[in-house]
Amino acid sequence: MAKVLVAPASPYSCKVRMAAAYLDIPLEAVLVETSSPTEEFLKANPLGKIPVLIADDGETIFDSRAITQYLNRQSGNKLFPRNPAKRTDAERLEALADGIADCALAHVYERRSRPEEIVHLPWLDKQWGKVTNALDALNANPPKLGKKITGGQIALRSVLGYLDLRFAGKWEKGRSRLKRWAARFDEKFPELKALLPA
């Protein structure tokens, strides 16, 4: 069985695990510690970043978007539409969700890695401004949820789960449509909810 190296709180790990579960592609989740990477981990991804998919033949695929594209090919294109315009929409949504995750993680790492007296508040404000701009755009026009979902929708649900974990009470105000979207996603795909960042 293929393995995926993950961390339970990572929105990127969550996205990949949710995508595989949605596609019925079995993956063994292996927890890794990115702050003290093992030699085996660095061999799989010299960047020491997660997630990393290790295929049955030992091939490694890293960066969550590369992994979702790999899973899409393995599933016969069930994660991203074949129609070029719809595929672009799904890929753009995934990029937007990943961008929110990038900014939120930059915010978390700034506070985690620096003493409070040298935390750079203008940097935090800039990152949070990007998060709120993206969330406002998504709240104004949440993606439609049908019987099938895309990699972009999975990425969005993953990052909203991460925001619930790290920024509960801070991101939701004024974004009731996006909160309802997440709740509907969980109702339609309850088997994926257990894989949200924790």
C-alpha atoms as a PDB file:
ATOM      1  CA  MET A   1       0.000   0.000   0.000  1.00  0.00           C
ATOM      2  CA  ALA A   2       1.211   3.505  -0.780  1.00  0.00           C
ATOM      3  CA  LYS A   3       2.138   5.718   2.164  1.00  0.00           C
ATOM      4  CA  VAL A   4       1.712   9.398   2.791  1.00  0.00           C
ATOM      5  CA  LEU A   5       3.921  11.232   5.276  1.00  0.00           C
ATOM      6  CA  VAL A   6       1.764  13.718   7.151  1.00  0.00           C
ATOM      7  CA  ALA A   7       1.224  15.827  10.257  1.00  0.00           C
ATOM      8  CA  PRO A   8      -2.280  15.793  11.786  1.00  0.00           C
ATOM      9  CA  ALA A   9      -2.692  19.594  11.887  1.00  0.00           C
ATOM     10  CA  SER A  10      -1.406  20.263   8.363  1.00  0.00           C
ATOM     11  CA  PRO A  11      -4.057  21.533   5.924  1.00  0.00           C
ATOM     12  CA  TYR A  12      -1.969  20.179   3.030  1.00  0.00           C
ATOM     13  CA  SER A  13      -1.796  16.713   4.620  1.00  0.00           C
ATOM     14  CA  CYS A  14      -5.533  16.878   5.257  1.00  0.00           C
ATOM     15  CA  LYS A  15      -6.242  17.797   1.640  1.00  0.00           C
ATOM     16  CA  VAL A  16      -4.260  14.846   0.296  1.00  0.00           C
ATOM     17  CA  ARG A  17      -5.779  12.353   2.737  1.00  0.00           C
ATOM     18  CA  MET A  18      -9.308  13.614   2.025  1.00  0.00           C
ATOM     19  CA  ALA A  19      -8.720  13.414  -1.726  1.00  0.00           C
ATOM     20  CA  ALA A  20      -7.448   9.831  -1.478  1.00  0.00           C
ATOM     21  CA  ALA A  21     -10.372   8.822   0.749  1.00  0.00           C
ATOM     22  CA  TYR A  22     -12.872  10.448  -1.616  1.00  0.00           C
ATOM     23  CA  LEU A  23     -11.313   8.556  -4.540  1.00  0.00           C
ATOM     24  CA  ASP A  24     -11.124   5.243  -2.630  1.00  0.00           C
ATOM     25  CA  ILE A  25      -7.351   5.142  -3.075  1.00  0.00           C
ATOM     26  CA  PRO A  26      -5.876   3.430  -0.006  1.00  0.00           C
ATOM     27  CA  LEU A  27      -3.014   5.322   1.631  1.00  0.00           C
ATOM     28  CA  GLU A  28      -1.282   4.523   4.882  1.00  0.00           C
ATOM     29  CA  ALA A  29      -0.817   7.747   6.843  1.00  0.00           C
ATOM     30  CA  VAL A  30       2.587   7.939   8.534  1.00  0.00           C
ATOM     31  CA  LEU A  31       3.047  10.755  11.045  1.00  0.00           C
ATOM     32  CA  VAL A  32       6.336  12.631  10.777  1.00  0.00           C
ATOM     33  CA  GLU A  33       7.925  15.454  12.721  1.00  0.00           C
ATOM     34  CA  THR A  34       9.012  18.229  10.373  1.00  0.00           C
ATOM     35  CA  SER A  35      10.970  20.090  13.058  1.00  0.00           C
ATOM     36  CA  SER A  36      13.384  17.164  13.424  1.00  0.00           C
ATOM     37  CA  PRO A  37      13.222  15.273  10.107  1.00  0.00           C
ATOM     38  CA  THR A  38      14.663  11.793   9.905  1.00  0.00           C
ATOM     39  CA  GLU A  39      17.087  10.691   7.213  1.00  0.00           C
ATOM     40  CA  GLU A  40      14.309   8.580   5.656  1.00  0.00           C
ATOM     41  CA  PHE A  41      11.989  11.603   5.556  1.00  0.00           C
ATOM     42  CA  LEU A  42      14.659  13.798   3.908  1.00  0.00           C
ATOM     43  CA  LYS A  43      15.372  11.048   1.401  1.00  0.00           C
ATOM     44  CA  ALA A  44      11.679  11.076   0.450  1.00  0.00           C
ATOM     45  CA  ASN A  45      11.624  14.899   0.213  1.00  0.00           C
ATOM     46  CA  PRO A  46      14.913  16.815   0.549  1.00  0.00           C
ATOM     47  CA  LEU A  47      12.909  19.925   1.473  1.00  0.00           C
ATOM     48  CA  GLY A  48      11.701  18.206   4.652  1.00  0.00           C
ATOM     49  CA  LYS A  49       8.127  19.332   3.958  1.00  0.00           C
ATOM     50  CA  ILE A  50       4.872  17.411   4.089  1.00  0.00           C
ATOM     51  CA  PRO A  51       2.902  15.763   2.683  1.00  0.00           C
ATOM     52  CA  VAL A  52       4.976  13.244   0.761  1.00  0.00           C
ATOM     53  CA  LEU A  53       3.364  10.351  -1.067  1.00  0.00           C
ATOM     54  CA  ILE A  54       5.488   7.223  -1.372  1.00  0.00           C
ATOM     55  CA  ALA A  55       4.037   5.020  -4.103  1.00  0.00           C
ATOM     56  CA  ASP A  56       4.150   1.225  -4.029  1.00  0.00           C
ATOM     57  CA  ASP A  57       7.187   1.257  -6.335  1.00  0.00           C
ATOM     58  CA  GLY A  58       9.036   3.664  -4.013  1.00  0.00           C
ATOM     59  CA  GLU A  59       8.534   6.746  -6.199  1.00  0.00           C
ATOM     60  CA  THR A  60       8.022   9.880  -4.096  1.00  0.00           C
ATOM     61  CA  ILE A  61       5.677  12.718  -4.941  1.00  0.00           C
ATOM     62  CA  PHE A  62       5.732  15.880  -2.890  1.00  0.00           C
ATOM     63  CA  ASP A  63       3.885  19.148  -2.708  1.00  0.00           C
ATOM     64  CA  SER A  64       0.221  18.650  -2.063  1.00  0.00           C
ATOM     65  CA  ARG A  65      -0.821  19.947  -5.493  1.00  0.00           C
ATOM     66  CA  ALA A  66       1.498  17.502  -7.255  1.00  0.00           C
ATOM     67  CA  ILE A  67      -0.024  14.742  -5.112  1.00  0.00           C
ATOM     68  CA  THR A  68      -3.619  15.720  -5.905  1.00  0.00           C
ATOM     69  CA  GLN A  69      -2.745  15.684  -9.615  1.00  0.00           C
ATOM     70  CA  TYR A  70      -1.144  12.246  -9.184  1.00  0.00           C
ATOM     71  CA  LEU A  71      -4.255  10.973  -7.368  1.00  0.00           C
ATOM     72  CA  ASN A  72      -6.412  12.463 -10.111  1.00  0.00           C
ATOM     73  CA  ARG A  73      -4.499  10.485 -12.755  1.00  0.00           C
ATOM     74  CA  GLN A  74      -4.669   7.318 -10.643  1.00  0.00           C
ATOM     75  CA  SER A  75      -8.455   7.689 -10.379  1.00  0.00           C
ATOM     76  CA  GLY A  76      -9.078   8.288 -14.073  1.00  0.00           C
ATOM     77  CA  ASN A  77      -9.658  12.044 -13.622  1.00  0.00           C
ATOM     78  CA  LYS A  78     -12.289  11.890 -10.866  1.00  0.00           C
ATOM     79  CA  LEU A  79     -10.813  14.768  -8.864  1.00  0.00           C
ATOM     80  CA  PHE A  80     -10.522  17.439 -11.559  1.00  0.00           C
ATOM     81  CA  PRO A  81     -13.069  17.893 -14.374  1.00  0.00           C
ATOM     82  CA  ARG A  82     -12.070  17.073 -17.953  1.00  0.00           C
ATOM     83  CA  ASN A  83     -13.777  20.216 -19.244  1.00  0.00           C
ATOM     84  CA  PRO A  84     -10.946  22.796 -19.528  1.00  0.00           C
ATOM     85  CA  ALA A  85     -12.896  25.727 -18.045  1.00  0.00           C
ATOM     86  CA  LYS A  86     -14.246  23.678 -15.122  1.00  0.00           C
ATOM     87  CA  ARG A  87     -10.811  22.181 -14.517  1.00  0.00           C
ATOM     88  CA  THR A  88      -9.289  25.663 -14.396  1.00  0.00           C
ATOM     89  CA  ASP A  89     -11.967  26.699 -11.861  1.00  0.00           C
ATOM     90  CA  ALA A  90     -11.094  23.698  -9.662  1.00  0.00           C
ATOM     91  CA  GLU A  91      -7.353  24.327  -9.938  1.00  0.00           C
ATOM     92  CA  ARG A  92      -7.814  28.029  -9.182  1.00  0.00           C
ATOM     93  CA  LEU A  93      -9.874  27.174  -6.088  1.00  0.00           C
ATOM     94  CA  GLU A  94      -7.173  24.763  -4.925  1.00  0.00           C
ATOM     95  CA  ALA A  95      -4.517  27.461  -5.437  1.00  0.00           C
ATOM     96  CA  LEU A  96      -6.617  29.996  -3.497  1.00  0.00           C
ATOM     97  CA  ALA A  97      -7.177  27.551  -0.624  1.00  0.00           C
ATOM     98  CA  ASP A  98      -3.475  26.678  -0.540  1.00  0.00           C
ATOM     99  CA  GLY A  99      -2.625  30.380  -0.563  1.00  0.00           C
ATOM    100  CA  ILE A 100      -4.844  30.912   2.471  1.00  0.00           C
ATOM    101  CA  ALA A 101      -3.044  28.005   4.149  1.00  0.00           C
ATOM    102  CA  ASP A 102       0.357  29.509   3.261  1.00  0.00           C
ATOM    103  CA  CYS A 103      -0.551  32.850   4.844  1.00  0.00           C
ATOM    104  CA  ALA A 104      -2.153  31.292   7.931  1.00  0.00           C
ATOM    105  CA  LEU A 105       0.879  29.057   8.480  1.00  0.00           C
ATOM    106  CA  ALA A 106       3.242  32.023   8.067  1.00  0.00           C
ATOM    107  CA  HIS A 107       1.214  33.708  10.809  1.00  0.00           C
ATOM    108  CA  VAL A 108       1.465  30.666  13.093  1.00  0.00           C
ATOM    109  CA  TYR A 109       5.193  30.145  12.466  1.00  0.00           C
ATOM    110  CA  GLU A 110       6.022  33.807  13.107  1.00  0.00           C
ATOM    111  CA  ARG A 111       4.444  33.589  16.568  1.00  0.00           C
ATOM    112  CA  ARG A 112       5.790  30.113  17.258  1.00  0.00           C
ATOM    113  CA  SER A 113       9.405  30.741  16.281  1.00  0.00           C
ATOM    114  CA  ARG A 114      10.059  34.226  17.678  1.00  0.00           C
ATOM    115  CA  PRO A 115       9.946  35.615  21.200  1.00  0.00           C
ATOM    116  CA  GLU A 116       6.880  37.858  21.627  1.00  0.00           C
ATOM    117  CA  GLU A 117       8.990  41.028  21.800  1.00  0.00           C
ATOM    118  CA  ILE A 118      10.386  40.521  18.281  1.00  0.00           C
ATOM    119  CA  VAL A 119       7.283  39.197  16.549  1.00  0.00           C
ATOM    120  CA  HIS A 120       6.906  41.358  13.436  1.00  0.00           C
ATOM    121  CA  LEU A 121       3.339  42.646  13.661  1.00  0.00           C
ATOM    122  CA  PRO A 122       3.282  44.359  10.222  1.00  0.00           C
ATOM    123  CA  TRP A 123       4.166  40.965   8.692  1.00  0.00           C
ATOM    124  CA  LEU A 124       1.377  39.272  10.629  1.00  0.00           C
ATOM    125  CA  ASP A 125      -1.096  41.968   9.573  1.00  0.00           C
ATOM    126  CA  LYS A 126      -0.069  41.589   5.931  1.00  0.00           C
ATOM    127  CA  GLN A 127      -0.532  37.807   6.017  1.00  0.00           C
ATOM    128  CA  TRP A 128      -3.858  38.061   7.806  1.00  0.00           C
ATOM    129  CA  GLY A 129      -5.025  40.679   5.319  1.00  0.00           C
ATOM    130  CA  LYS A 130      -4.421  38.187   2.494  1.00  0.00           C
ATOM    131  CA  VAL A 131      -6.391  35.536   4.376  1.00  0.00           C
ATOM    132  CA  THR A 132      -9.348  37.850   4.973  1.00  0.00           C
ATOM    133  CA  ASN A 133      -9.382  39.106   1.359  1.00  0.00           C
ATOM    134  CA  ALA A 134      -9.552  35.531   0.081  1.00  0.00           C
ATOM    135  CA  LEU A 135     -12.168  34.483   2.641  1.00  0.00           C
ATOM    136  CA  ASP A 136     -14.336  37.495   1.792  1.00  0.00           C
ATOM    137  CA  ALA A 137     -14.175  36.638  -1.920  1.00  0.00           C
ATOM    138  CA  LEU A 138     -15.133  33.027  -1.173  1.00  0.00           C
ATOM    139  CA  ASN A 139     -17.918  34.071   1.195  1.00  0.00           C
ATOM    140  CA  ALA A 140     -19.371  36.309  -1.511  1.00  0.00           C
ATOM    141  CA  ASN A 141     -19.401  33.415  -3.981  1.00  0.00           C
ATOM    142  CA  PRO A 142     -18.978  29.999  -2.306  1.00  0.00           C
ATOM    143  CA  PRO A 143     -18.340  27.111  -4.710  1.00  0.00           C
ATOM    144  CA  LYS A 144     -21.389  25.018  -5.561  1.00  0.00           C
ATOM    145  CA  LEU A 145     -21.567  21.592  -3.919  1.00  0.00           C
ATOM    146  CA  GLY A 146     -23.004  18.774  -5.997  1.00  0.00           C
ATOM    147  CA  LYS A 147     -22.809  14.988  -5.766  1.00  0.00           C
ATOM    148  CA  LYS A 148     -19.200  15.120  -6.935  1.00  0.00           C
ATOM    149  CA  ILE A 149     -16.493  17.352  -5.540  1.00  0.00           C
ATOM    150  CA  THR A 150     -13.202  18.577  -6.932  1.00  0.00           C
ATOM    151  CA  GLY A 151      -9.690  18.899  -5.600  1.00  0.00           C
ATOM    152  CA  GLY A 152     -10.368  22.602  -5.173  1.00  0.00           C
ATOM    153  CA  GLN A 153     -13.381  22.031  -2.939  1.00  0.00           C
ATOM    154  CA  ILE A 154     -11.435  19.507  -0.867  1.00  0.00           C
ATOM    155  CA  ALA A 155      -8.590  22.020  -0.492  1.00  0.00           C
ATOM    156  CA  LEU A 156     -11.052  24.686   0.654  1.00  0.00           C
ATOM    157  CA  ARG A 157     -12.648  22.408   3.246  1.00  0.00           C
ATOM    158  CA  SER A 158      -9.188  21.448   4.487  1.00  0.00           C
ATOM    159  CA  VAL A 159      -8.044  25.024   4.983  1.00  0.00           C
ATOM    160  CA  LEU A 160     -11.301  26.011   6.686  1.00  0.00           C
ATOM    161  CA  GLY A 161     -10.666  23.107   9.059  1.00  0.00           C
ATOM    162  CA  TYR A 162      -7.191  24.486   9.717  1.00  0.00           C
ATOM    163  CA  LEU A 163      -8.602  27.949  10.417  1.00  0.00           C
ATOM    164  CA  ASP A 164     -11.086  26.367  12.846  1.00  0.00           C
ATOM    165  CA  LEU A 165      -8.143  24.699  14.582  1.00  0.00           C
ATOM    166  CA  ARG A 166      -5.761  27.665  14.790  1.00  0.00           C
ATOM    167  CA  PHE A 167      -7.959  30.761  14.421  1.00  0.00           C
ATOM    168  CA  ALA A 168     -11.336  29.749  15.864  1.00  0.00           C
ATOM    169  CA  GLY A 169     -13.480  32.800  16.555  1.00  0.00           C
ATOM    170  CA  LYS A 170     -11.262  35.026  14.411  1.00  0.00           C
ATOM    171  CA  TRP A 171     -11.968  34.045  10.817  1.00  0.00           C
ATOM    172  CA  GLU A 172     -15.743  33.329  10.853  1.00  0.00           C
ATOM    173  CA  LYS A 173     -17.209  36.753  11.689  1.00  0.00           C
ATOM    174  CA  GLY A 174     -19.208  38.079   8.764  1.00  0.00           C
ATOM    175  CA  ARG A 175     -18.660  34.907   6.754  1.00  0.00           C
ATOM    176  CA  SER A 176     -21.793  32.913   7.481  1.00  0.00           C
ATOM    177  CA  ARG A 177     -22.125  31.698   3.878  1.00  0.00           C
ATOM    178  CA  LEU A 178     -18.685  30.122   4.042  1.00  0.00           C
ATOM    179  CA  LYS A 179     -19.457  28.538   7.420  1.00  0.00           C
ATOM    180  CA  ARG A 180     -22.677  27.093   5.975  1.00  0.00           C
ATOM    181  CA  TRP A 181     -20.735  25.826   2.961  1.00  0.00           C
ATOM    182  CA  ALA A 182     -18.349  23.923   5.265  1.00  0.00           C
ATOM    183  CA  ALA A 183     -21.278  22.458   7.213  1.00  0.00           C
ATOM    184  CA  ARG A 184     -22.969  21.318   3.977  1.00  0.00           C
ATOM    185  CA  PHE A 185     -19.709  19.771   2.795  1.00  0.00           C
ATOM    186  CA  ASP A 186     -19.528  17.773   6.045  1.00  0.00           C
ATOM    187  CA  GLU A 187     -23.156  16.676   5.702  1.00  0.00           C
ATOM    188  CA  LYS A 188     -22.654  15.484   2.122  1.00  0.00           C
ATOM    189  CA  PHE A 189     -19.278  13.816   2.769  1.00  0.00           C
ATOM    190  CA  PRO A 190     -19.288  12.778   6.448  1.00  0.00           C
ATOM    191  CA  GLU A 191     -16.564  10.186   5.849  1.00  0.00           C
ATOM    192  CA  LEU A 192     -14.091  13.006   5.120  1.00  0.00           C
ATOM    193  CA  LYS A 193     -14.797  15.051   8.261  1.00  0.00           C
ATOM    194  CA  ALA A 194     -12.640  12.797  10.458  1.00  0.00           C
ATOM    195  CA  LEU A 195      -9.610  13.744   8.325  1.00  0.00           C
ATOM    196  CA  LEU A 196      -9.835  17.507   9.014  1.00  0.00           C
ATOM    197  CA  PRO A 197      -6.813  19.098  10.727  1.00  0.00           C
ATOM    198  CA  ALA A 198      -6.589  18.134  14.395  1.00  0.00           C
END
